[in-house]
PDB file of N, CA and C in Angstrom:
ATOM      1  N   UNK A   1     -35.906   5.154  13.538  1.00  0.00           N
ATOM      2  CA  UNK A   1     -35.718   3.826  14.085  1.00  0.00           C
ATOM      3  C   UNK A   1     -34.685   3.102  13.236  1.00  0.00           C
ATOM      4  N   UNK A   2     -33.783   2.390  13.877  1.00  0.00           N
ATOM      5  CA  UNK A   2     -32.819   1.562  13.157  1.00  0.00           C
ATOM      6  C   UNK A   2     -33.586   0.409  12.528  1.00  0.00           C
ATOM      7  N   UNK A   3     -33.670   0.409  11.187  1.00  0.00           N
ATOM      8  CA  UNK A   3     -34.481  -0.585  10.485  1.00  0.00           C
ATOM      9  C   UNK A   3     -33.659  -1.725   9.907  1.00  0.00           C
ATOM     10  N   UNK A   4     -32.378  -1.496   9.691  1.00  0.00           N
ATOM     11  CA  UNK A   4     -31.496  -2.533   9.143  1.00  0.00           C
ATOM     12  C   UNK A   4     -30.062  -2.138   9.463  1.00  0.00           C
ATOM     13  N   UNK A   5     -29.174  -3.114   9.459  1.00  0.00           N
ATOM     14  CA  UNK A   5     -27.772  -2.813   9.728  1.00  0.00           C
ATOM     15  C   UNK A   5     -26.852  -3.855   9.121  1.00  0.00           C
ATOM     16  N   UNK A   6     -25.679  -3.396   8.801  1.00  0.00           N
ATOM     17  CA  UNK A   6     -24.565  -4.274   8.458  1.00  0.00           C
ATOM     18  C   UNK A   6     -23.378  -3.666   9.200  1.00  0.00           C
ATOM     19  N   UNK A   7     -22.968  -4.296  10.265  1.00  0.00           N
ATOM     20  CA  UNK A   7     -21.863  -3.774  11.058  1.00  0.00           C
ATOM     21  C   UNK A   7     -22.199  -3.580  12.520  1.00  0.00           C
ATOM     22  N   UNK A   8     -23.433  -3.203  12.809  1.00  0.00           N
ATOM     23  CA  UNK A   8     -23.856  -3.095  14.203  1.00  0.00           C
ATOM     24  C   UNK A   8     -24.562  -4.380  14.607  1.00  0.00           C
ATOM     25  N   UNK A   9     -24.714  -4.584  15.896  1.00  0.00           N
ATOM     26  CA  UNK A   9     -25.412  -5.747  16.428  1.00  0.00           C
ATOM     27  C   UNK A   9     -26.864  -5.702  15.957  1.00  0.00           C
ATOM     28  N   UNK A  10     -27.298  -6.728  15.251  1.00  0.00           N
ATOM     29  CA  UNK A  10     -28.645  -6.764  14.670  1.00  0.00           C
ATOM     30  C   UNK A  10     -29.750  -6.816  15.723  1.00  0.00           C
ATOM     31  N   UNK A  11     -29.414  -7.146  16.943  1.00  0.00           N
ATOM     32  CA  UNK A  11     -30.442  -7.198  17.983  1.00  0.00           C
ATOM     33  C   UNK A  11     -31.001  -5.806  18.303  1.00  0.00           C
ATOM     34  N   UNK A  12     -30.318  -4.753  17.840  1.00  0.00           N
ATOM     35  CA  UNK A  12     -30.790  -3.392  18.083  1.00  0.00           C
ATOM     36  C   UNK A  12     -31.706  -2.869  16.980  1.00  0.00           C
ATOM     37  N   UNK A  13     -31.897  -3.652  15.923  1.00  0.00           N
ATOM     38  CA  UNK A  13     -32.824  -3.255  14.864  1.00  0.00           C
ATOM     39  C   UNK A  13     -34.222  -3.136  15.474  1.00  0.00           C
ATOM     40  N   UNK A  14     -34.858  -2.016  15.220  1.00  0.00           N
ATOM     41  CA  UNK A  14     -36.192  -1.762  15.772  1.00  0.00           C
ATOM     42  C   UNK A  14     -36.185  -1.182  17.171  1.00  0.00           C
ATOM     43  N   UNK A  15     -35.017  -1.119  17.797  1.00  0.00           N
ATOM     44  CA  UNK A  15     -34.943  -0.644  19.181  1.00  0.00           C
ATOM     45  C   UNK A  15     -34.275   0.720  19.322  1.00  0.00           C
ATOM     46  N   UNK A  16     -33.401   1.065  18.402  1.00  0.00           N
ATOM     47  CA  UNK A  16     -32.733   2.367  18.440  1.00  0.00           C
ATOM     48  C   UNK A  16     -33.618   3.364  17.700  1.00  0.00           C
ATOM     49  N   UNK A  17     -33.976   4.437  18.377  1.00  0.00           N
ATOM     50  CA  UNK A  17     -34.863   5.445  17.775  1.00  0.00           C
ATOM     51  C   UNK A  17     -34.287   6.840  17.988  1.00  0.00           C
ATOM     52  N   UNK A  18     -34.523   7.697  17.007  1.00  0.00           N
ATOM     53  CA  UNK A  18     -34.179   9.106  17.139  1.00  0.00           C
ATOM     54  C   UNK A  18     -35.346   9.928  16.622  1.00  0.00           C
ATOM     55  N   UNK A  19     -35.396  11.161  17.052  1.00  0.00           N
ATOM     56  CA  UNK A  19     -36.448  12.070  16.605  1.00  0.00           C
ATOM     57  C   UNK A  19     -35.970  12.851  15.390  1.00  0.00           C
ATOM     58  N   UNK A  20     -36.901  13.364  14.632  1.00  0.00           N
ATOM     59  CA  UNK A  20     -36.588  14.224  13.498  1.00  0.00           C
ATOM     60  C   UNK A  20     -35.775  15.413  14.006  1.00  0.00           C
ATOM     61  N   UNK A  21     -34.615  15.632  13.402  1.00  0.00           N
ATOM     62  CA  UNK A  21     -33.737  16.722  13.820  1.00  0.00           C
ATOM     63  C   UNK A  21     -32.738  16.339  14.885  1.00  0.00           C
ATOM     64  N   UNK A  22     -32.835  15.131  15.430  1.00  0.00           N
ATOM     65  CA  UNK A  22     -31.941  14.679  16.494  1.00  0.00           C
ATOM     66  C   UNK A  22     -30.736  13.959  15.896  1.00  0.00           C
ATOM     67  N   UNK A  23     -29.553  14.335  16.353  1.00  0.00           N
ATOM     68  CA  UNK A  23     -28.343  13.706  15.860  1.00  0.00           C
ATOM     69  C   UNK A  23     -28.095  14.041  14.385  1.00  0.00           C
ATOM     70  N   UNK A  24     -27.081  13.443  13.823  1.00  0.00           N
ATOM     71  CA  UNK A  24     -26.752  13.664  12.411  1.00  0.00           C
ATOM     72  C   UNK A  24     -27.834  13.063  11.527  1.00  0.00           C
ATOM     73  N   UNK A  25     -28.254  11.857  11.837  1.00  0.00           N
ATOM     74  CA  UNK A  25     -29.278  11.181  11.038  1.00  0.00           C
ATOM     75  C   UNK A  25     -30.591  11.952  11.046  1.00  0.00           C
ATOM     76  N   UNK A  26     -31.011  12.391  12.208  1.00  0.00           N
ATOM     77  CA  UNK A  26     -32.251  13.160  12.313  1.00  0.00           C
ATOM     78  C   UNK A  26     -32.166  14.504  11.607  1.00  0.00           C
ATOM     79  N   UNK A  27     -30.976  15.101  11.612  1.00  0.00           N
ATOM     80  CA  UNK A  27     -30.768  16.356  10.895  1.00  0.00           C
ATOM     81  C   UNK A  27     -30.892  16.136   9.396  1.00  0.00           C
ATOM     82  N   UNK A  28     -30.317  15.048   8.901  1.00  0.00           N
ATOM     83  CA  UNK A  28     -30.409  14.711   7.473  1.00  0.00           C
ATOM     84  C   UNK A  28     -31.873  14.478   7.095  1.00  0.00           C
ATOM     85  N   UNK A  29     -32.600  13.783   7.935  1.00  0.00           N
ATOM     86  CA  UNK A  29     -34.025  13.535   7.665  1.00  0.00           C
ATOM     87  C   UNK A  29     -34.811  14.842   7.634  1.00  0.00           C
ATOM     88  N   UNK A  30     -34.551  15.725   8.566  1.00  0.00           N
ATOM     89  CA  UNK A  30     -35.281  16.997   8.628  1.00  0.00           C
ATOM     90  C   UNK A  30     -34.941  17.903   7.444  1.00  0.00           C
ATOM     91  N   UNK A  31     -33.656  17.984   7.103  1.00  0.00           N
ATOM     92  CA  UNK A  31     -33.214  18.909   6.059  1.00  0.00           C
ATOM     93  C   UNK A  31     -33.249  18.310   4.650  1.00  0.00           C
ATOM     94  N   UNK A  32     -33.411  16.988   4.570  1.00  0.00           N
ATOM     95  CA  UNK A  32     -33.454  16.282   3.275  1.00  0.00           C
ATOM     96  C   UNK A  32     -32.203  16.543   2.441  1.00  0.00           C
ATOM     97  N   UNK A  33     -31.071  16.668   3.126  1.00  0.00           N
ATOM     98  CA  UNK A  33     -29.774  16.894   2.497  1.00  0.00           C
ATOM     99  C   UNK A  33     -28.753  15.980   3.155  1.00  0.00           C
ATOM    100  N   UNK A  34     -27.834  15.442   2.353  1.00  0.00           N
ATOM    101  CA  UNK A  34     -26.830  14.552   2.934  1.00  0.00           C
ATOM    102  C   UNK A  34     -25.809  15.343   3.753  1.00  0.00           C
ATOM    103  N   UNK A  35     -25.157  14.638   4.667  1.00  0.00           N
ATOM    104  CA  UNK A  35     -24.072  15.192   5.470  1.00  0.00           C
ATOM    105  C   UNK A  35     -22.915  14.210   5.389  1.00  0.00           C
ATOM    106  N   UNK A  36     -21.734  14.724   5.102  1.00  0.00           N
ATOM    107  CA  UNK A  36     -20.521  13.918   5.046  1.00  0.00           C
ATOM    108  C   UNK A  36     -19.519  14.503   6.031  1.00  0.00           C
ATOM    109  N   UNK A  37     -19.035  13.668   6.944  1.00  0.00           N
ATOM    110  CA  UNK A  37     -18.128  14.137   7.998  1.00  0.00           C
ATOM    111  C   UNK A  37     -16.921  13.198   8.123  1.00  0.00           C
ATOM    112  N   UNK A  38     -15.740  13.765   8.236  1.00  0.00           N
ATOM    113  CA  UNK A  38     -14.546  12.925   8.415  1.00  0.00           C
ATOM    114  C   UNK A  38     -14.329  12.556   9.880  1.00  0.00           C
ATOM    115  N   UNK A  39     -14.878  13.349  10.790  1.00  0.00           N
ATOM    116  CA  UNK A  39     -14.815  13.058  12.235  1.00  0.00           C
ATOM    117  C   UNK A  39     -16.202  13.296  12.830  1.00  0.00           C
ATOM    118  N   UNK A  40     -17.083  12.345  12.589  1.00  0.00           N
ATOM    119  CA  UNK A  40     -18.494  12.506  12.961  1.00  0.00           C
ATOM    120  C   UNK A  40     -18.691  12.756  14.448  1.00  0.00           C
ATOM    121  N   UNK A  41     -17.956  12.064  15.300  1.00  0.00           N
ATOM    122  CA  UNK A  41     -18.174  12.187  16.743  1.00  0.00           C
ATOM    123  C   UNK A  41     -17.809  13.566  17.273  1.00  0.00           C
ATOM    124  N   UNK A  42     -17.088  14.367  16.503  1.00  0.00           N
ATOM    125  CA  UNK A  42     -16.722  15.718  16.935  1.00  0.00           C
ATOM    126  C   UNK A  42     -17.731  16.766  16.466  1.00  0.00           C
ATOM    127  N   UNK A  43     -18.700  16.336  15.672  1.00  0.00           N
ATOM    128  CA  UNK A  43     -19.721  17.256  15.181  1.00  0.00           C
ATOM    129  C   UNK A  43     -20.734  17.511  16.301  1.00  0.00           C
ATOM    130  N   UNK A  44     -21.149  18.773  16.501  1.00  0.00           N
ATOM    131  CA  UNK A  44     -22.099  19.070  17.593  1.00  0.00           C
ATOM    132  C   UNK A  44     -23.454  18.381  17.437  1.00  0.00           C
ATOM    133  N   UNK A  45     -23.803  17.951  16.237  1.00  0.00           N
ATOM    134  CA  UNK A  45     -25.087  17.255  16.032  1.00  0.00           C
ATOM    135  C   UNK A  45     -25.011  15.766  16.375  1.00  0.00           C
ATOM    136  N   UNK A  46     -23.813  15.256  16.577  1.00  0.00           N
ATOM    137  CA  UNK A  46     -23.592  13.826  16.822  1.00  0.00           C
ATOM    138  C   UNK A  46     -24.309  13.360  18.083  1.00  0.00           C
ATOM    139  N   UNK A  47     -24.984  12.230  17.989  1.00  0.00           N
ATOM    140  CA  UNK A  47     -25.620  11.608  19.150  1.00  0.00           C
ATOM    141  C   UNK A  47     -25.016  10.220  19.305  1.00  0.00           C
ATOM    142  N   UNK A  48     -24.454   9.964  20.461  1.00  0.00           N
ATOM    143  CA  UNK A  48     -23.773   8.704  20.736  1.00  0.00           C
ATOM    144  C   UNK A  48     -24.763   7.660  21.262  1.00  0.00           C
ATOM    145  N   UNK A  49     -24.680   6.455  20.712  1.00  0.00           N
ATOM    146  CA  UNK A  49     -25.463   5.317  21.198  1.00  0.00           C
ATOM    147  C   UNK A  49     -24.467   4.279  21.714  1.00  0.00           C
ATOM    148  N   UNK A  50     -24.180   4.259  23.020  1.00  0.00           N
ATOM    149  CA  UNK A  50     -23.153   3.356  23.556  1.00  0.00           C
ATOM    150  C   UNK A  50     -23.427   1.884  23.261  1.00  0.00           C
ATOM    151  N   UNK A  51     -24.701   1.499  23.201  1.00  0.00           N
ATOM    152  CA  UNK A  51     -25.047   0.104  22.952  1.00  0.00           C
ATOM    153  C   UNK A  51     -24.613  -0.365  21.560  1.00  0.00           C
ATOM    154  N   UNK A  52     -24.414   0.548  20.639  1.00  0.00           N
ATOM    155  CA  UNK A  52     -23.974   0.183  19.286  1.00  0.00           C
ATOM    156  C   UNK A  52     -22.461   0.036  19.190  1.00  0.00           C
ATOM    157  N   UNK A  53     -21.743   0.416  20.229  1.00  0.00           N
ATOM    158  CA  UNK A  53     -20.275   0.351  20.244  1.00  0.00           C
ATOM    159  C   UNK A  53     -19.699   1.022  18.997  1.00  0.00           C
ATOM    160  N   UNK A  54     -20.168   2.230  18.739  1.00  0.00           N
ATOM    161  CA  UNK A  54     -19.779   2.943  17.523  1.00  0.00           C
ATOM    162  C   UNK A  54     -18.504   3.755  17.684  1.00  0.00           C
ATOM    163  N   UNK A  55     -17.817   3.605  18.815  1.00  0.00           N
ATOM    164  CA  UNK A  55     -16.590   4.359  19.078  1.00  0.00           C
ATOM    165  C   UNK A  55     -15.501   4.092  18.042  1.00  0.00           C
ATOM    166  N   UNK A  56     -15.543   2.945  17.398  1.00  0.00           N
ATOM    167  CA  UNK A  56     -14.500   2.595  16.423  1.00  0.00           C
ATOM    168  C   UNK A  56     -14.654   3.350  15.100  1.00  0.00           C
ATOM    169  N   UNK A  57     -15.800   4.001  14.897  1.00  0.00           N
ATOM    170  CA  UNK A  57     -16.045   4.703  13.640  1.00  0.00           C
ATOM    171  C   UNK A  57     -15.661   6.170  13.730  1.00  0.00           C
ATOM    172  N   UNK A  58     -15.129   6.681  12.651  1.00  0.00           N
ATOM    173  CA  UNK A  58     -14.759   8.090  12.573  1.00  0.00           C
ATOM    174  C   UNK A  58     -15.597   8.825  11.536  1.00  0.00           C
ATOM    175  N   UNK A  59     -15.444   8.432  10.281  1.00  0.00           N
ATOM    176  CA  UNK A  59     -16.115   9.127   9.185  1.00  0.00           C
ATOM    177  C   UNK A  59     -17.532   8.618   9.001  1.00  0.00           C
ATOM    178  N   UNK A  60     -18.392   9.519   8.524  1.00  0.00           N
ATOM    179  CA  UNK A  60     -19.799   9.158   8.343  1.00  0.00           C
ATOM    180  C   UNK A  60     -20.372   9.895   7.143  1.00  0.00           C
ATOM    181  N   UNK A  61     -21.129   9.164   6.345  1.00  0.00           N
ATOM    182  CA  UNK A  61     -21.935   9.748   5.284  1.00  0.00           C
ATOM    183  C   UNK A  61     -23.371   9.377   5.599  1.00  0.00           C
ATOM    184  N   UNK A  62     -24.217  10.372   5.739  1.00  0.00           N
ATOM    185  CA  UNK A  62     -25.620  10.166   6.050  1.00  0.00           C
ATOM    186  C   UNK A  62     -26.428  10.737   4.888  1.00  0.00           C
ATOM    187  N   UNK A  63     -27.262   9.909   4.249  1.00  0.00           N
ATOM    188  CA  UNK A  63     -27.955  10.296   3.021  1.00  0.00           C
ATOM    189  C   UNK A  63     -29.449  10.018   3.144  1.00  0.00           C
ATOM    190  N   UNK A  64     -30.295  11.004   2.818  1.00  0.00           N
ATOM    191  CA  UNK A  64     -31.745  10.802   2.971  1.00  0.00           C
ATOM    192  C   UNK A  64     -32.350   9.958   1.850  1.00  0.00           C
ATOM    193  N   UNK A  65     -33.343   9.174   2.222  1.00  0.00           N
ATOM    194  CA  UNK A  65     -34.178   8.463   1.247  1.00  0.00           C
ATOM    195  C   UNK A  65     -35.449   9.292   1.172  1.00  0.00           C
ATOM    196  N   UNK A  66     -35.554  10.116   0.134  1.00  0.00           N
ATOM    197  CA  UNK A  66     -36.639  11.089   0.060  1.00  0.00           C
ATOM    198  C   UNK A  66     -37.082  11.322  -1.380  1.00  0.00           C
ATOM    199  N   UNK A  67     -38.330  11.724  -1.517  1.00  0.00           N
ATOM    200  CA  UNK A  67     -38.841  12.111  -2.834  1.00  0.00           C
ATOM    201  C   UNK A  67     -39.080  13.621  -2.877  1.00  0.00           C
ATOM    202  N   UNK A  68     -38.403  14.352  -2.030  1.00  0.00           N
ATOM    203  CA  UNK A  68     -38.501  15.809  -1.885  1.00  0.00           C
ATOM    204  C   UNK A  68     -39.733  16.249  -1.110  1.00  0.00           C
ATOM    205  N   UNK A  69     -40.776  15.414  -1.065  1.00  0.00           N
ATOM    206  CA  UNK A  69     -41.969  15.747  -0.290  1.00  0.00           C
ATOM    207  C   UNK A  69     -41.882  15.090   1.085  1.00  0.00           C
ATOM    208  N   UNK A  70     -41.466  13.850   1.087  1.00  0.00           N
ATOM    209  CA  UNK A  70     -41.503  13.039   2.296  1.00  0.00           C
ATOM    210  C   UNK A  70     -40.174  12.304   2.468  1.00  0.00           C
ATOM    211  N   UNK A  71     -39.772  12.086   3.717  1.00  0.00           N
ATOM    212  CA  UNK A  71     -38.566  11.320   4.011  1.00  0.00           C
ATOM    213  C   UNK A  71     -38.985   9.925   4.438  1.00  0.00           C
ATOM    214  N   UNK A  72     -38.413   8.925   3.807  1.00  0.00           N
ATOM    215  CA  UNK A  72     -38.746   7.537   4.108  1.00  0.00           C
ATOM    216  C   UNK A  72     -37.673   6.855   4.949  1.00  0.00           C
ATOM    217  N   UNK A  73     -36.520   7.479   5.043  1.00  0.00           N
ATOM    218  CA  UNK A  73     -35.436   6.912   5.829  1.00  0.00           C
ATOM    219  C   UNK A  73     -34.131   7.623   5.536  1.00  0.00           C
ATOM    220  N   UNK A  74     -33.073   7.121   6.156  1.00  0.00           N
ATOM    221  CA  UNK A  74     -31.730   7.673   5.974  1.00  0.00           C
ATOM    222  C   UNK A  74     -30.757   6.505   5.922  1.00  0.00           C
ATOM    223  N   UNK A  75     -29.829   6.570   4.975  1.00  0.00           N
ATOM    224  CA  UNK A  75     -28.752   5.583   4.881  1.00  0.00           C
ATOM    225  C   UNK A  75     -27.523   6.182   5.561  1.00  0.00           C
ATOM    226  N   UNK A  76     -26.919   5.441   6.466  1.00  0.00           N
ATOM    227  CA  UNK A  76     -25.684   5.882   7.110  1.00  0.00           C
ATOM    228  C   UNK A  76     -24.550   4.938   6.755  1.00  0.00           C
ATOM    229  N   UNK A  77     -23.457   5.512   6.287  1.00  0.00           N
ATOM    230  CA  UNK A  77     -22.230   4.762   6.052  1.00  0.00           C
ATOM    231  C   UNK A  77     -21.214   5.252   7.061  1.00  0.00           C
ATOM    232  N   UNK A  78     -20.562   4.322   7.738  1.00  0.00           N
ATOM    233  CA  UNK A  78     -19.548   4.659   8.728  1.00  0.00           C
ATOM    234  C   UNK A  78     -18.238   4.016   8.332  1.00  0.00           C
ATOM    235  N   UNK A  79     -17.142   4.707   8.616  1.00  0.00           N
ATOM    236  CA  UNK A  79     -15.814   4.207   8.291  1.00  0.00           C
ATOM    237  C   UNK A  79     -14.915   4.355   9.507  1.00  0.00           C
ATOM    238  N   UNK A  80     -14.080   3.370   9.743  1.00  0.00           N
ATOM    239  CA  UNK A  80     -13.143   3.471  10.858  1.00  0.00           C
ATOM    240  C   UNK A  80     -12.022   4.452  10.554  1.00  0.00           C
ATOM    241  N   UNK A  81     -11.726   4.645   9.279  1.00  0.00           N
ATOM    242  CA  UNK A  81     -10.676   5.599   8.913  1.00  0.00           C
ATOM    243  C   UNK A  81     -11.225   7.026   8.937  1.00  0.00           C
ATOM    244  N   UNK A  82     -10.309   7.963   9.111  1.00  0.00           N
ATOM    245  CA  UNK A  82     -10.676   9.375   9.033  1.00  0.00           C
ATOM    246  C   UNK A  82     -10.515   9.758   7.567  1.00  0.00           C
ATOM    247  N   UNK A  83     -11.658   9.971   6.907  1.00  0.00           N
ATOM    248  CA  UNK A  83     -11.613  10.218   5.466  1.00  0.00           C
ATOM    249  C   UNK A  83     -12.756  11.118   5.041  1.00  0.00           C
ATOM    250  N   UNK A  84     -12.613  11.648   3.867  1.00  0.00           N
ATOM    251  CA  UNK A  84     -13.662  12.423   3.227  1.00  0.00           C
ATOM    252  C   UNK A  84     -14.291  11.538   2.160  1.00  0.00           C
ATOM    253  N   UNK A  85     -15.603  11.484   2.108  1.00  0.00           N
ATOM    254  CA  UNK A  85     -16.289  10.699   1.086  1.00  0.00           C
ATOM    255  C   UNK A  85     -16.254  11.477  -0.228  1.00  0.00           C
ATOM    256  N   UNK A  86     -15.665  10.887  -1.274  1.00  0.00           N
ATOM    257  CA  UNK A  86     -15.601  11.595  -2.559  1.00  0.00           C
ATOM    258  C   UNK A  86     -16.970  11.660  -3.240  1.00  0.00           C
ATOM    259  N   UNK A  87     -17.101  12.593  -4.161  1.00  0.00           N
ATOM    260  CA  UNK A  87     -18.366  12.817  -4.867  1.00  0.00           C
ATOM    261  C   UNK A  87     -18.891  11.557  -5.548  1.00  0.00           C
ATOM    262  N   UNK A  88     -18.013  10.718  -6.107  1.00  0.00           N
ATOM    263  CA  UNK A  88     -18.500   9.515  -6.793  1.00  0.00           C
ATOM    264  C   UNK A  88     -19.132   8.527  -5.810  1.00  0.00           C
ATOM    265  N   UNK A  89     -18.629   8.445  -4.596  1.00  0.00           N
ATOM    266  CA  UNK A  89     -19.236   7.580  -3.582  1.00  0.00           C
ATOM    267  C   UNK A  89     -20.574   8.158  -3.120  1.00  0.00           C
ATOM    268  N   UNK A  90     -20.633   9.460  -2.962  1.00  0.00           N
ATOM    269  CA  UNK A  90     -21.888  10.111  -2.570  1.00  0.00           C
ATOM    270  C   UNK A  90     -22.938   9.897  -3.659  1.00  0.00           C
ATOM    271  N   UNK A  91     -22.525  10.019  -4.914  1.00  0.00           N
ATOM    272  CA  UNK A  91     -23.439   9.791  -6.033  1.00  0.00           C
ATOM    273  C   UNK A  91     -23.942   8.341  -6.033  1.00  0.00           C
ATOM    274  N   UNK A  92     -23.041   7.397  -5.772  1.00  0.00           N
ATOM    275  CA  UNK A  92     -23.413   5.983  -5.719  1.00  0.00           C
ATOM    276  C   UNK A  92     -24.457   5.743  -4.625  1.00  0.00           C
ATOM    277  N   UNK A  93     -24.267   6.354  -3.467  1.00  0.00           N
ATOM    278  CA  UNK A  93     -25.232   6.215  -2.370  1.00  0.00           C
ATOM    279  C   UNK A  93     -26.562   6.852  -2.763  1.00  0.00           C
ATOM    280  N   UNK A  94     -26.527   7.937  -3.532  1.00  0.00           N
ATOM    281  CA  UNK A  94     -27.777   8.553  -3.990  1.00  0.00           C
ATOM    282  C   UNK A  94     -28.553   7.604  -4.896  1.00  0.00           C
ATOM    283  N   UNK A  95     -27.848   6.830  -5.702  1.00  0.00           N
ATOM    284  CA  UNK A  95     -28.504   5.832  -6.565  1.00  0.00           C
ATOM    285  C   UNK A  95     -29.156   4.754  -5.697  1.00  0.00           C
ATOM    286  N   UNK A  96     -28.436   4.288  -4.697  1.00  0.00           N
ATOM    287  CA  UNK A  96     -28.980   3.275  -3.784  1.00  0.00           C
ATOM    288  C   UNK A  96     -30.213   3.834  -3.065  1.00  0.00           C
ATOM    289  N   UNK A  97     -30.139   5.087  -2.619  1.00  0.00           N
ATOM    290  CA  UNK A  97     -31.278   5.718  -1.934  1.00  0.00           C
ATOM    291  C   UNK A  97     -32.488   5.768  -2.860  1.00  0.00           C
ATOM    292  N   UNK A  98     -32.283   6.086  -4.128  1.00  0.00           N
ATOM    293  CA  UNK A  98     -33.401   6.142  -5.077  1.00  0.00           C
ATOM    294  C   UNK A  98     -33.975   4.761  -5.366  1.00  0.00           C
ATOM    295  N   UNK A  99     -33.130   3.754  -5.415  1.00  0.00           N
ATOM    296  CA  UNK A  99     -33.624   2.379  -5.599  1.00  0.00           C
ATOM    297  C   UNK A  99     -34.451   1.948  -4.387  1.00  0.00           C
ATOM    298  N   UNK A 100     -33.968   2.264  -3.206  1.00  0.00           N
ATOM    299  CA  UNK A 100     -34.720   1.940  -1.988  1.00  0.00           C
ATOM    300  C   UNK A 100     -36.043   2.696  -1.940  1.00  0.00           C
ATOM    301  N   UNK A 101     -36.030   3.949  -2.341  1.00  0.00           N
ATOM    302  CA  UNK A 101     -37.253   4.743  -2.380  1.00  0.00           C
ATOM    303  C   UNK A 101     -38.285   4.094  -3.290  1.00  0.00           C
ATOM    304  N   UNK A 102     -37.853   3.655  -4.460  1.00  0.00           N
ATOM    305  CA  UNK A 102     -38.757   2.982  -5.397  1.00  0.00           C
ATOM    306  C   UNK A 102     -39.342   1.721  -4.774  1.00  0.00           C
ATOM    307  N   UNK A 103     -38.498   0.920  -4.120  1.00  0.00           N
ATOM    308  CA  UNK A 103     -38.969  -0.312  -3.480  1.00  0.00           C
ATOM    309  C   UNK A 103     -39.942  -0.015  -2.343  1.00  0.00           C
ATOM    310  N   UNK A 104     -39.650   0.996  -1.540  1.00  0.00           N
ATOM    311  CA  UNK A 104     -40.522   1.361  -0.420  1.00  0.00           C
ATOM    312  C   UNK A 104     -41.880   1.817  -0.931  1.00  0.00           C
ATOM    313  N   UNK A 105     -41.881   2.682  -1.942  1.00  0.00           N
ATOM    314  CA  UNK A 105     -43.145   3.182  -2.492  1.00  0.00           C
ATOM    315  C   UNK A 105     -43.953   2.060  -3.136  1.00  0.00           C
ATOM    316  N   UNK A 106     -43.283   1.157  -3.824  1.00  0.00           N
ATOM    317  CA  UNK A 106     -43.973   0.025  -4.434  1.00  0.00           C
ATOM    318  C   UNK A 106     -44.585  -0.869  -3.359  1.00  0.00           C
ATOM    319  N   UNK A 107     -43.852  -1.094  -2.305  1.00  0.00           N
ATOM    320  CA  UNK A 107     -44.374  -1.919  -1.204  1.00  0.00           C
ATOM    321  C   UNK A 107     -45.602  -1.267  -0.573  1.00  0.00           C
ATOM    322  N   UNK A 108     -45.545   0.055  -0.366  1.00  0.00           N
ATOM    323  CA  UNK A 108     -46.703   0.770   0.188  1.00  0.00           C
ATOM    324  C   UNK A 108     -47.903   0.681  -0.749  1.00  0.00           C
ATOM    325  N   UNK A 109     -47.647   0.806  -2.046  1.00  0.00           N
ATOM    326  CA  UNK A 109     -48.727   0.758  -3.037  1.00  0.00           C
ATOM    327  C   UNK A 109     -49.393  -0.621  -3.035  1.00  0.00           C
ATOM    328  N   UNK A 110     -48.587  -1.668  -3.028  1.00  0.00           N
ATOM    329  CA  UNK A 110     -49.120  -3.032  -3.025  1.00  0.00           C
ATOM    330  C   UNK A 110     -49.913  -3.288  -1.748  1.00  0.00           C
ATOM    331  N   UNK A 111     -49.389  -2.828  -0.607  1.00  0.00           N
ATOM    332  CA  UNK A 111     -50.093  -3.016   0.671  1.00  0.00           C
ATOM    333  C   UNK A 111     -51.426  -2.266   0.666  1.00  0.00           C
ATOM    334  N   UNK A 112     -51.446  -1.061   0.118  1.00  0.00           N
ATOM    335  CA  UNK A 112     -52.687  -0.277   0.046  1.00  0.00           C
ATOM    336  C   UNK A 112     -53.713  -0.951  -0.854  1.00  0.00           C
ATOM    337  N   UNK A 113     -53.259  -1.463  -1.983  1.00  0.00           N
ATOM    338  CA  UNK A 113     -54.166  -2.148  -2.904  1.00  0.00           C
ATOM    339  C   UNK A 113     -54.724  -3.417  -2.271  1.00  0.00           C
ATOM    340  N   UNK A 114     -53.887  -4.102  -1.523  1.00  0.00           N
ATOM    341  CA  UNK A 114     -54.324  -5.314  -0.827  1.00  0.00           C
ATOM    342  C   UNK A 114     -55.404  -4.996   0.197  1.00  0.00           C
ATOM    343  N   UNK A 115     -55.223  -3.912   0.953  1.00  0.00           N
ATOM    344  CA  UNK A 115     -56.210  -3.504   1.957  1.00  0.00           C
ATOM    345  C   UNK A 115     -57.513  -3.077   1.277  1.00  0.00           C
ATOM    346  N   UNK A 116     -57.394  -2.453   0.118  1.00  0.00           N
ATOM    347  CA  UNK A 116     -58.581  -2.012  -0.617  1.00  0.00           C
ATOM    348  C   UNK A 116     -59.429  -3.162  -1.101  1.00  0.00           C
ATOM    349  N   UNK A 117     -58.810  -4.309  -1.339  1.00  0.00           N
ATOM    350  CA  UNK A 117     -59.536  -5.490  -1.815  1.00  0.00           C
ATOM    351  C   UNK A 117     -60.164  -6.284  -0.677  1.00  0.00           C
ATOM    352  N   UNK A 118     -59.782  -5.997   0.535  1.00  0.00           N
ATOM    353  CA  UNK A 118     -60.305  -6.783   1.679  1.00  0.00           C
ATOM    354  C   UNK A 118     -61.593  -6.240   2.203  1.00  0.00           C
TER     355      UNK A 118
END
C-alpha cells in the first residue's frame, strides 16, 4: 500500500496497493533486495499506475525496509533523468531504511505495551 509520498498526488496514499511479488516494489519486498534501474518502465516487472502520472519518471531505486526476517515496507526513489544510482546513494537510502525500521519497530512496541496495559 502506498503509505507516504513526496512527488505523487497525496490523495492516493492508502489507495494504491500491490501484492507481494507484484511489480518492482513487490519484487523488492519479496526478495528483500534492492533494485536499481535506469529505465524502470522497460523492466518486465514494472507495473504502471496511470493515476499516479508516473510517465515522467525513468530511473528508479527500490529499497526494502527489512530486518531480514520481515519486510515492513519499501522505499522508492524515482528520477526523471535516465541514470544509474551510484553506490553512495544506495548506501544512503539503506541508512534511511534502517532508521525507518527502528521507528516502525518502536511504534509497534509502544502500541503493544499500551494494549497490554488496557
